[in-house]
Amino acid sequence: MLKVQHLSKFFGKNQVLTDIDLIVQKGDFMTIMGPSGCGKSTLLYQISGLDRDEYEYGEVFINENSLKHLSDSQLSKLRLENMGFVFQKSQFLSDLSIVDNIVLPALQLKKQKKKRIYQRSYELLEMMKISDLAYSTIQQVSGGQLQRANICRALINEPSLIFADEPTGALNSQMSQEVMEIFRKLNEEGKTIVLITHDSHIAAYAKHILFMKDGRIISEITKSTDTDFRNKIEKETKRLGI
């Protein structure tokens, strides 16, 4: 589903990603870990097509489409139809209700009637157990509830690939666990997930983990082949000072 070949990235003369190679298979749940400033979020922005800076080297393929050779409009369409995004801080419009914020990407896509779009949003809100908050404003809900709404919005166009950048970073431990159980369930239902985190407890929900340092991928742990998965995560995070 996602293939990255020899990806490097510069900000001016400062190299922040160096010769990144990775493959994400359909149905995978990948976590990328590393210390602050190692390039995790920069990598996510590159591989999702959110950043098309002129200093990008290498290629990124999503469903065999090279992002480098897509026009801006083609890339926007690919993101809108195939990708969902969940960030640490929810970017909602304060003058709209929760449900109206959720449906915005689907209204942009214009593939379904407005009635069906709202029906799907209510189904997602129900799935996230926040249906009673549909017409609340963002000021009337908790951080955990807002992040659940953020996931609803990411799913509104039924994407095959979900990118999440520190989705639990602003939540307490209980809310974090609830949100990660949602991601686990989505993955079990077939969604492919690429998630950035510095928290080893969050990373342990994934099927495999890539570890970054100084803009490079330096090691990998896979749940299916490593029976001592959690302990190996802890050892690697300590080694890297995460």
Protein backbone atom coordinates (compact mmCIF):
# COMPACT_ATOMS: atom_id res chain seq x y z
CA MET A 1 0.00 0.00 0.00
CA LEU A 2 2.83 2.41 0.88
CA LYS A 3 6.40 2.19 -0.37
CA VAL A 4 9.23 4.63 0.33
CA GLN A 5 12.52 4.50 -1.55
CA HIS A 6 15.68 6.43 -0.62
CA LEU A 7 13.76 9.38 0.83
CA SER A 8 15.88 12.30 2.03
CA LYS A 9 14.73 15.70 3.17
CA PHE A 10 16.49 19.02 3.73
CA PHE A 11 15.46 22.25 5.39
CA GLY A 12 17.91 24.62 3.74
CA LYS A 13 21.30 22.97 4.26
CA ASN A 14 20.09 20.97 7.26
CA GLN A 15 19.37 17.32 6.39
CA VAL A 16 16.51 15.98 8.53
CA LEU A 17 15.79 12.65 6.74
CA THR A 18 18.48 10.43 5.27
CA ASP A 19 17.90 7.62 2.77
CA ILE A 20 14.63 6.29 4.26
CA ASP A 21 13.29 3.00 2.91
CA LEU A 22 10.11 1.41 4.20
CA ILE A 23 7.13 -0.66 3.09
CA VAL A 24 3.67 -0.68 4.66
CA GLN A 25 1.53 -3.60 3.60
CA LYS A 26 -2.25 -3.44 3.35
CA GLY A 27 -3.77 -4.07 6.78
CA ASP A 28 -0.55 -3.22 8.60
CA PHE A 29 -0.32 -1.21 11.83
CA MET A 30 3.08 0.50 11.91
CA THR A 31 4.42 2.75 14.63
CA ILE A 32 7.40 5.03 14.09
CA MET A 33 9.28 5.93 17.28
CA GLY A 34 12.24 8.12 18.09
CA PRO A 35 13.44 10.94 20.32
CA SER A 36 12.10 14.46 19.90
CA GLY A 37 13.54 16.13 16.80
CA CYS A 38 14.61 12.90 15.09
CA GLY A 39 12.38 13.52 12.04
CA LYS A 40 9.30 11.37 12.83
CA SER A 41 6.68 14.00 12.00
CA THR A 42 8.67 15.23 9.01
CA LEU A 43 8.68 11.67 7.67
CA LEU A 44 4.92 11.35 8.12
CA TYR A 45 4.32 14.64 6.28
CA GLN A 46 6.51 13.46 3.43
CA ILE A 47 5.04 9.97 3.00
CA SER A 48 1.45 11.26 3.19
CA GLY A 49 2.01 13.99 0.60
CA LEU A 50 1.26 16.80 3.04
CA ASP A 51 4.70 18.25 2.32
CA ARG A 52 5.93 18.60 -1.25
CA ASP A 53 8.98 20.75 -0.56
CA GLU A 54 11.56 21.14 -3.31
CA TYR A 55 14.25 19.57 -1.12
CA GLU A 56 12.67 16.11 -1.19
CA TYR A 57 14.75 13.31 -2.70
CA GLY A 58 13.64 9.75 -3.36
CA GLU A 59 10.12 8.51 -4.08
CA VAL A 60 6.94 7.67 -2.22
CA PHE A 61 4.33 5.34 -3.72
CA ILE A 62 0.78 4.92 -2.43
CA ASN A 63 -1.18 2.18 -4.18
CA GLU A 64 1.56 2.24 -6.83
CA ASN A 65 1.04 5.98 -7.46
CA SER A 66 4.26 7.99 -7.23
CA LEU A 67 3.42 11.12 -5.23
CA LYS A 68 6.25 12.98 -6.92
CA HIS A 69 4.56 12.75 -10.32
CA LEU A 70 1.07 13.79 -9.22
CA SER A 71 -0.19 17.32 -9.72
CA ASP A 72 -1.36 19.26 -6.66
CA SER A 73 -4.99 18.57 -7.55
CA GLN A 74 -4.33 14.85 -8.12
CA LEU A 75 -2.51 14.61 -4.80
CA SER A 76 -5.32 16.43 -2.98
CA LYS A 77 -7.82 14.01 -4.51
CA LEU A 78 -5.71 11.01 -3.47
CA ARG A 79 -5.50 12.27 0.12
CA LEU A 80 -9.19 13.09 0.26
CA GLU A 81 -10.32 9.72 -1.10
CA ASN A 82 -7.72 7.35 0.36
CA MET A 83 -6.25 8.87 3.52
CA GLY A 84 -7.44 9.90 6.94
CA PHE A 85 -5.41 12.12 9.28
CA VAL A 86 -5.43 12.30 13.08
CA PHE A 87 -3.13 14.82 14.74
CA GLN A 88 -2.25 15.53 18.35
CA LYS A 89 -4.19 18.77 18.30
CA SER A 90 -7.58 18.65 16.61
CA GLN A 91 -8.05 21.36 13.98
CA PHE A 92 -11.78 22.02 14.24
CA LEU A 93 -13.68 25.16 13.29
CA SER A 94 -14.87 26.71 16.54
CA ASP A 95 -18.09 28.14 15.09
CA LEU A 96 -19.33 24.74 13.86
CA SER A 97 -20.79 21.84 15.83
CA ILE A 98 -18.88 18.56 16.20
CA VAL A 99 -20.94 16.82 13.52
CA ASP A 100 -20.60 19.71 11.07
CA ASN A 101 -16.82 19.60 11.49
CA ILE A 102 -16.81 15.85 10.87
CA VAL A 103 -18.71 16.00 7.58
CA LEU A 104 -16.57 18.71 5.96
CA PRO A 105 -14.18 16.35 4.09
CA ALA A 106 -17.10 14.31 2.72
CA LEU A 107 -18.93 17.42 1.54
CA GLN A 108 -15.75 18.38 -0.30
CA LEU A 109 -15.59 15.02 -2.03
CA LYS A 110 -19.20 15.34 -3.24
CA LYS A 111 -19.58 11.62 -3.98
CA GLN A 112 -22.62 11.12 -1.80
CA LYS A 113 -25.76 13.01 -1.02
CA LYS A 114 -25.64 15.30 1.99
CA LYS A 115 -28.22 13.18 3.83
CA ARG A 116 -26.09 10.03 3.47
CA ILE A 117 -22.96 11.90 4.61
CA TYR A 118 -24.66 13.03 7.80
CA GLN A 119 -26.05 9.53 8.32
CA ARG A 120 -22.50 8.12 8.16
CA SER A 121 -21.26 10.78 10.57
CA TYR A 122 -23.92 9.74 13.11
CA GLU A 123 -22.88 6.10 12.66
CA LEU A 124 -19.26 7.04 13.37
CA LEU A 125 -20.22 9.13 16.39
CA GLU A 126 -22.20 6.17 17.70
CA MET A 127 -19.24 3.86 17.12
CA MET A 128 -17.00 6.26 19.06
CA LYS A 129 -19.64 6.52 21.82
CA ILE A 130 -20.04 10.28 21.53
CA SER A 131 -23.31 10.48 19.58
CA ASP A 132 -24.83 12.64 22.32
CA LEU A 133 -22.22 15.32 21.53
CA ALA A 134 -23.07 15.69 17.83
CA TYR A 135 -24.36 19.24 18.18
CA SER A 136 -21.97 20.37 20.90
CA THR A 137 -19.28 22.90 20.10
CA ILE A 138 -15.60 22.06 20.53
CA GLN A 139 -15.56 24.19 23.70
CA GLN A 140 -18.17 21.92 25.31
CA VAL A 141 -16.31 18.60 25.09
CA SER A 142 -13.23 17.07 26.73
CA GLY A 143 -9.90 16.45 25.01
CA GLY A 144 -10.59 12.74 24.76
CA GLN A 145 -14.03 13.32 23.28
CA LEU A 146 -12.60 15.77 20.77
CA GLN A 147 -9.96 13.25 19.71
CA ARG A 148 -12.71 10.67 19.16
CA ALA A 149 -14.47 13.23 16.95
CA ASN A 150 -11.17 13.77 15.17
CA ILE A 151 -11.05 10.05 14.37
CA CYS A 152 -14.65 10.24 13.08
CA ARG A 153 -13.61 12.98 10.68
CA ALA A 154 -10.59 10.94 9.55
CA LEU A 155 -12.95 8.04 8.73
CA ILE A 156 -15.78 9.96 7.08
CA ASN A 157 -14.55 9.24 3.53
CA GLU A 158 -13.82 5.58 4.37
CA PRO A 159 -10.05 5.82 3.77
CA SER A 160 -7.89 2.75 3.34
CA LEU A 161 -4.87 4.39 5.01
CA ILE A 162 -4.82 6.37 8.28
CA PHE A 163 -1.91 8.57 9.38
CA ALA A 164 -1.76 9.57 13.05
CA ASP A 165 0.81 11.97 14.51
CA GLU A 166 1.04 11.69 18.33
CA PRO A 167 -2.75 11.17 18.56
CA THR A 168 -2.62 10.63 22.33
CA GLY A 169 0.00 13.26 23.11
CA ALA A 170 -2.46 15.65 24.77
CA LEU A 171 -4.50 12.98 26.61
CA ASN A 172 -4.24 11.38 30.02
CA SER A 173 -3.41 7.67 30.33
CA GLN A 174 -7.03 6.46 30.47
CA MET A 175 -8.11 8.54 27.47
CA SER A 176 -4.98 7.43 25.61
CA GLN A 177 -5.84 3.79 26.18
CA GLU A 178 -9.41 4.33 24.97
CA VAL A 179 -8.21 6.05 21.79
CA MET A 180 -5.64 3.33 21.09
CA GLU A 181 -8.26 0.61 21.53
CA ILE A 182 -10.20 2.40 18.79
CA PHE A 183 -7.14 2.30 16.51
CA ARG A 184 -6.65 -1.38 17.31
CA LYS A 185 -10.27 -2.12 16.38
CA LEU A 186 -9.98 -0.12 13.14
CA ASN A 187 -6.89 -2.11 12.20
CA GLU A 188 -8.65 -5.39 12.96
CA GLU A 189 -11.41 -4.24 10.59
CA GLY A 190 -8.85 -3.80 7.80
CA LYS A 191 -7.63 -0.21 8.07
CA THR A 192 -3.94 0.35 7.45
CA ILE A 193 -2.42 2.63 10.09
CA VAL A 194 0.88 4.53 10.31
CA LEU A 195 1.26 6.15 13.72
CA ILE A 196 3.94 8.42 15.18
CA THR A 197 4.62 8.30 18.91
CA HIS A 198 7.37 8.62 21.51
CA ASP A 199 5.39 6.54 24.06
CA SER A 200 6.36 2.86 24.30
CA HIS A 201 2.94 1.91 25.73
CA ILE A 202 1.23 3.43 22.68
CA ALA A 203 3.73 1.83 20.30
CA ALA A 204 2.96 -1.62 21.71
CA TYR A 205 -0.49 -1.54 20.07
CA ALA A 206 1.17 -1.78 16.64
CA LYS A 207 2.13 -4.87 14.67
CA HIS A 208 5.63 -3.60 14.14
CA ILE A 209 7.76 -0.62 15.08
CA LEU A 210 10.42 1.37 13.27
CA PHE A 211 12.91 3.27 15.43
CA MET A 212 14.41 6.55 14.19
CA LYS A 213 17.41 8.56 15.27
CA ASP A 214 18.92 11.63 13.61
CA GLY A 215 16.72 11.28 10.54
CA ARG A 216 17.47 7.61 9.90
CA ILE A 217 15.61 4.36 10.54
CA ILE A 218 18.04 2.39 12.65
CA SER A 219 16.08 -0.67 13.85
CA GLU A 220 12.76 -2.51 13.66
CA ILE A 221 10.73 -4.82 15.89
CA THR A 222 7.91 -7.02 14.59
CA LYS A 223 5.27 -8.45 16.91
CA SER A 224 4.75 -11.64 14.94
CA THR A 225 8.42 -12.65 15.15
CA ASP A 226 9.44 -11.16 18.53
CA THR A 227 7.79 -13.02 21.39
CA ASP A 228 9.20 -10.55 23.93
CA PHE A 229 7.72 -7.59 22.03
CA ARG A 230 7.06 -5.19 24.93
CA ASN A 231 10.42 -5.76 26.63
CA LYS A 232 12.25 -5.19 23.36
CA ILE A 233 10.36 -1.91 22.88
CA GLU A 234 11.39 -0.77 26.37
CA LYS A 235 15.03 -1.71 25.79
CA GLU A 236 15.18 0.09 22.45
CA THR A 237 13.51 3.25 23.78
CA LYS A 238 15.98 3.36 26.67
CA ARG A 239 18.88 2.84 24.30
CA LEU A 240 17.72 5.74 22.14
CA GLY A 241 16.79 7.98 25.06
CA ILE A 242 13.16 8.33 23.96
